[in-house]
Amino acid sequence: QVQLVESGGGLVQAGGSLRLSCVASGSISRPNVMGWYRQAPGKERELVASHTGGGVTNYADSVKGRFTISRDNAKNMVYLQMNSLKPEDTAVYYCNLRIILRRNDYWGQGTQVTVSS
């Protein structure tokens, strides 16, 4: 089994910053992609950023220039540095691990990010 545990969410004022962390444990097959998704109330879950084990990153257009994803393969961790936060960034943020060959997805429990105006 694979488990993902997120931390770092909270309440922040517009323009502020938060850093989310996720640690993975268990049988982690390669190749894989780790990333962050978010879901706001009444909205679909959307990809925020992803990071391959080889260092290829991808970002949603709405967060480019503000968010940075990083990954520590030795520690099985992925991070999301969120700067210049906006109220529309308010959502539950989920860590994701995708096993490419098996096409399996694993999810963390989610961490709430609330940005006040």
C-alpha atoms as a PDB file:
ATOM      1  CA  GLN A   1       0.000   0.000   0.000  1.00  0.00           C
ATOM      2  CA  VAL A   2       0.954   3.613  -0.557  1.00  0.00           C
ATOM      3  CA  GLN A   3       0.134   6.388   1.878  1.00  0.00           C
ATOM      4  CA  LEU A   4       0.415  10.136   1.377  1.00  0.00           C
ATOM      5  CA  VAL A   5       0.294  12.589   4.270  1.00  0.00           C
ATOM      6  CA  GLU A   6      -0.031  16.334   3.709  1.00  0.00           C
ATOM      7  CA  SER A   7       0.667  19.236   6.021  1.00  0.00           C
ATOM      8  CA  GLY A   8       1.088  22.990   5.927  1.00  0.00           C
ATOM      9  CA  GLY A   9      -2.384  24.287   5.156  1.00  0.00           C
ATOM     10  CA  GLY A  10      -3.970  27.122   7.065  1.00  0.00           C
ATOM     11  CA  LEU A  11      -5.471  30.577   6.980  1.00  0.00           C
ATOM     12  CA  VAL A  12      -3.545  33.379   5.316  1.00  0.00           C
ATOM     13  CA  GLN A  13      -4.305  36.888   4.104  1.00  0.00           C
ATOM     14  CA  ALA A  14      -4.276  37.752   0.422  1.00  0.00           C
ATOM     15  CA  GLY A  15      -0.729  38.311  -0.746  1.00  0.00           C
ATOM     16  CA  GLY A  16       0.690  35.952   1.846  1.00  0.00           C
ATOM     17  CA  SER A  17       2.507  32.652   1.483  1.00  0.00           C
ATOM     18  CA  LEU A  18       2.147  29.044   2.559  1.00  0.00           C
ATOM     19  CA  ARG A  19       4.306  25.975   2.034  1.00  0.00           C
ATOM     20  CA  LEU A  20       2.607  22.597   1.709  1.00  0.00           C
ATOM     21  CA  SER A  21       4.442  19.340   2.320  1.00  0.00           C
ATOM     22  CA  CYS A  22       3.615  15.752   1.432  1.00  0.00           C
ATOM     23  CA  VAL A  23       5.450  12.582   2.388  1.00  0.00           C
ATOM     24  CA  ALA A  24       4.851   9.261   0.641  1.00  0.00           C
ATOM     25  CA  SER A  25       5.389   5.832   2.149  1.00  0.00           C
ATOM     26  CA  GLY A  26       4.908   2.238   1.056  1.00  0.00           C
ATOM     27  CA  SER A  27       5.667   0.491  -2.228  1.00  0.00           C
ATOM     28  CA  ILE A  28       6.276   3.349  -4.633  1.00  0.00           C
ATOM     29  CA  SER A  29       6.729   2.067  -8.170  1.00  0.00           C
ATOM     30  CA  ARG A  30       8.602   3.953 -10.845  1.00  0.00           C
ATOM     31  CA  PRO A  31       8.178   5.778 -13.085  1.00  0.00           C
ATOM     32  CA  ASN A  32       5.772   8.008 -11.236  1.00  0.00           C
ATOM     33  CA  VAL A  33       4.592  11.586 -10.966  1.00  0.00           C
ATOM     34  CA  MET A  34       3.853  13.462  -7.765  1.00  0.00           C
ATOM     35  CA  GLY A  35       1.700  16.526  -7.761  1.00  0.00           C
ATOM     36  CA  TRP A  36      -0.842  18.756  -6.116  1.00  0.00           C
ATOM     37  CA  TYR A  37      -4.518  19.100  -6.902  1.00  0.00           C
ATOM     38  CA  ARG A  38      -7.087  21.365  -5.331  1.00  0.00           C
ATOM     39  CA  GLN A  39     -10.848  21.414  -5.014  1.00  0.00           C
ATOM     40  CA  ALA A  40     -12.922  24.421  -4.043  1.00  0.00           C
ATOM     41  CA  PRO A  41     -16.522  24.087  -2.814  1.00  0.00           C
ATOM     42  CA  GLY A  42     -18.834  23.318  -5.724  1.00  0.00           C
ATOM     43  CA  LYS A  43     -15.919  23.022  -8.153  1.00  0.00           C
ATOM     44  CA  GLU A  44     -14.158  20.173  -9.906  1.00  0.00           C
ATOM     45  CA  ARG A  45     -10.827  18.965  -8.618  1.00  0.00           C
ATOM     46  CA  GLU A  46      -8.068  20.501 -10.715  1.00  0.00           C
ATOM     47  CA  LEU A  47      -4.361  19.958 -11.205  1.00  0.00           C
ATOM     48  CA  VAL A  48      -2.224  22.669  -9.632  1.00  0.00           C
ATOM     49  CA  ALA A  49       1.288  21.378 -10.297  1.00  0.00           C
ATOM     50  CA  SER A  50       3.098  18.126 -11.018  1.00  0.00           C
ATOM     51  CA  HIS A  51       6.678  16.922 -10.784  1.00  0.00           C
ATOM     52  CA  THR A  52       8.232  13.816 -12.308  1.00  0.00           C
ATOM     53  CA  GLY A  53      11.034  11.926 -10.626  1.00  0.00           C
ATOM     54  CA  GLY A  54      13.316  13.190 -13.367  1.00  0.00           C
ATOM     55  CA  GLY A  55      12.536  16.828 -12.662  1.00  0.00           C
ATOM     56  CA  VAL A  56       9.953  17.751 -15.299  1.00  0.00           C
ATOM     57  CA  THR A  57       7.347  20.128 -13.879  1.00  0.00           C
ATOM     58  CA  ASN A  58       3.965  21.351 -15.009  1.00  0.00           C
ATOM     59  CA  TYR A  59       1.738  24.115 -13.638  1.00  0.00           C
ATOM     60  CA  ALA A  60      -1.791  25.297 -14.075  1.00  0.00           C
ATOM     61  CA  ASP A  61      -1.879  28.643 -15.858  1.00  0.00           C
ATOM     62  CA  SER A  62      -3.602  30.220 -12.874  1.00  0.00           C
ATOM     63  CA  VAL A  63      -0.630  29.591 -10.563  1.00  0.00           C
ATOM     64  CA  LYS A  64       2.347  30.074 -12.878  1.00  0.00           C
ATOM     65  CA  GLY A  65       4.775  32.575 -11.448  1.00  0.00           C
ATOM     66  CA  ARG A  66       3.275  32.288  -7.971  1.00  0.00           C
ATOM     67  CA  PHE A  67       3.570  28.615  -6.995  1.00  0.00           C
ATOM     68  CA  THR A  68       6.636  26.390  -7.100  1.00  0.00           C
ATOM     69  CA  ILE A  69       6.618  22.611  -6.826  1.00  0.00           C
ATOM     70  CA  SER A  70       9.708  20.778  -5.644  1.00  0.00           C
ATOM     71  CA  ARG A  71      10.525  17.168  -4.918  1.00  0.00           C
ATOM     72  CA  ASP A  72      13.004  15.334  -2.737  1.00  0.00           C
ATOM     73  CA  ASN A  73      13.263  11.805  -4.108  1.00  0.00           C
ATOM     74  CA  ALA A  74      15.516  10.600  -1.298  1.00  0.00           C
ATOM     75  CA  LYS A  75      12.896  11.557   1.289  1.00  0.00           C
ATOM     76  CA  ASN A  76       9.864  10.671  -0.858  1.00  0.00           C
ATOM     77  CA  MET A  77       8.540  14.170  -0.344  1.00  0.00           C
ATOM     78  CA  VAL A  78       6.979  16.819  -2.521  1.00  0.00           C
ATOM     79  CA  TYR A  79       6.393  20.460  -1.632  1.00  0.00           C
ATOM     80  CA  LEU A  80       4.298  23.310  -2.912  1.00  0.00           C
ATOM     81  CA  GLN A  81       5.490  26.822  -2.171  1.00  0.00           C
ATOM     82  CA  MET A  82       2.557  29.195  -2.640  1.00  0.00           C
ATOM     83  CA  ASN A  83       3.273  32.906  -2.860  1.00  0.00           C
ATOM     84  CA  SER A  84       1.096  35.921  -3.631  1.00  0.00           C
ATOM     85  CA  LEU A  85      -1.965  33.977  -2.576  1.00  0.00           C
ATOM     86  CA  LYS A  86      -5.372  35.107  -3.785  1.00  0.00           C
ATOM     87  CA  PRO A  87      -8.843  34.414  -2.375  1.00  0.00           C
ATOM     88  CA  GLU A  88      -9.550  32.248  -5.421  1.00  0.00           C
ATOM     89  CA  ASP A  89      -6.758  29.929  -4.272  1.00  0.00           C
ATOM     90  CA  THR A  90      -8.974  28.888  -1.361  1.00  0.00           C
ATOM     91  CA  ALA A  91      -9.516  25.129  -1.610  1.00  0.00           C
ATOM     92  CA  VAL A  92      -8.664  21.772  -0.157  1.00  0.00           C
ATOM     93  CA  TYR A  93      -5.262  20.808  -1.536  1.00  0.00           C
ATOM     94  CA  TYR A  94      -4.503  17.142  -2.180  1.00  0.00           C
ATOM     95  CA  CYS A  95      -1.184  15.439  -2.718  1.00  0.00           C
ATOM     96  CA  ASN A  96      -1.213  12.939  -5.579  1.00  0.00           C
ATOM     97  CA  LEU A  97       1.041  10.078  -6.607  1.00  0.00           C
ATOM     98  CA  ARG A  98       0.503   8.589 -10.057  1.00  0.00           C
ATOM     99  CA  ILE A  99       2.087   5.271 -10.986  1.00  0.00           C
ATOM    100  CA  ILE A 100       2.569   5.628 -14.729  1.00  0.00           C
ATOM    101  CA  LEU A 101       2.673   2.015 -15.904  1.00  0.00           C
ATOM    102  CA  ARG A 102      -0.168   0.839 -13.676  1.00  0.00           C
ATOM    103  CA  ARG A 103      -2.199   4.005 -14.223  1.00  0.00           C
ATOM    104  CA  ASN A 104      -2.958   4.084 -10.500  1.00  0.00           C
ATOM    105  CA  ASP A 105      -3.522   7.222  -8.446  1.00  0.00           C
ATOM    106  CA  TYR A 106      -2.998   7.610  -4.711  1.00  0.00           C
ATOM    107  CA  TRP A 107      -4.260  10.568  -2.719  1.00  0.00           C
ATOM    108  CA  GLY A 108      -3.548  12.267   0.552  1.00  0.00           C
ATOM    109  CA  GLN A 109      -6.269  13.253   2.989  1.00  0.00           C
ATOM    110  CA  GLY A 110      -6.242  16.884   1.907  1.00  0.00           C
ATOM    111  CA  THR A 111      -5.243  20.065   3.689  1.00  0.00           C
ATOM    112  CA  GLN A 112      -7.375  23.205   3.805  1.00  0.00           C
ATOM    113  CA  VAL A 113      -5.969  26.452   2.444  1.00  0.00           C
ATOM    114  CA  THR A 114      -8.058  29.543   3.105  1.00  0.00           C
ATOM    115  CA  VAL A 115      -7.051  32.943   1.741  1.00  0.00           C
ATOM    116  CA  SER A 116      -8.911  35.909   3.190  1.00  0.00           C
ATOM    117  CA  SER A 117      -9.442  39.182   1.358  1.00  0.00           C
END
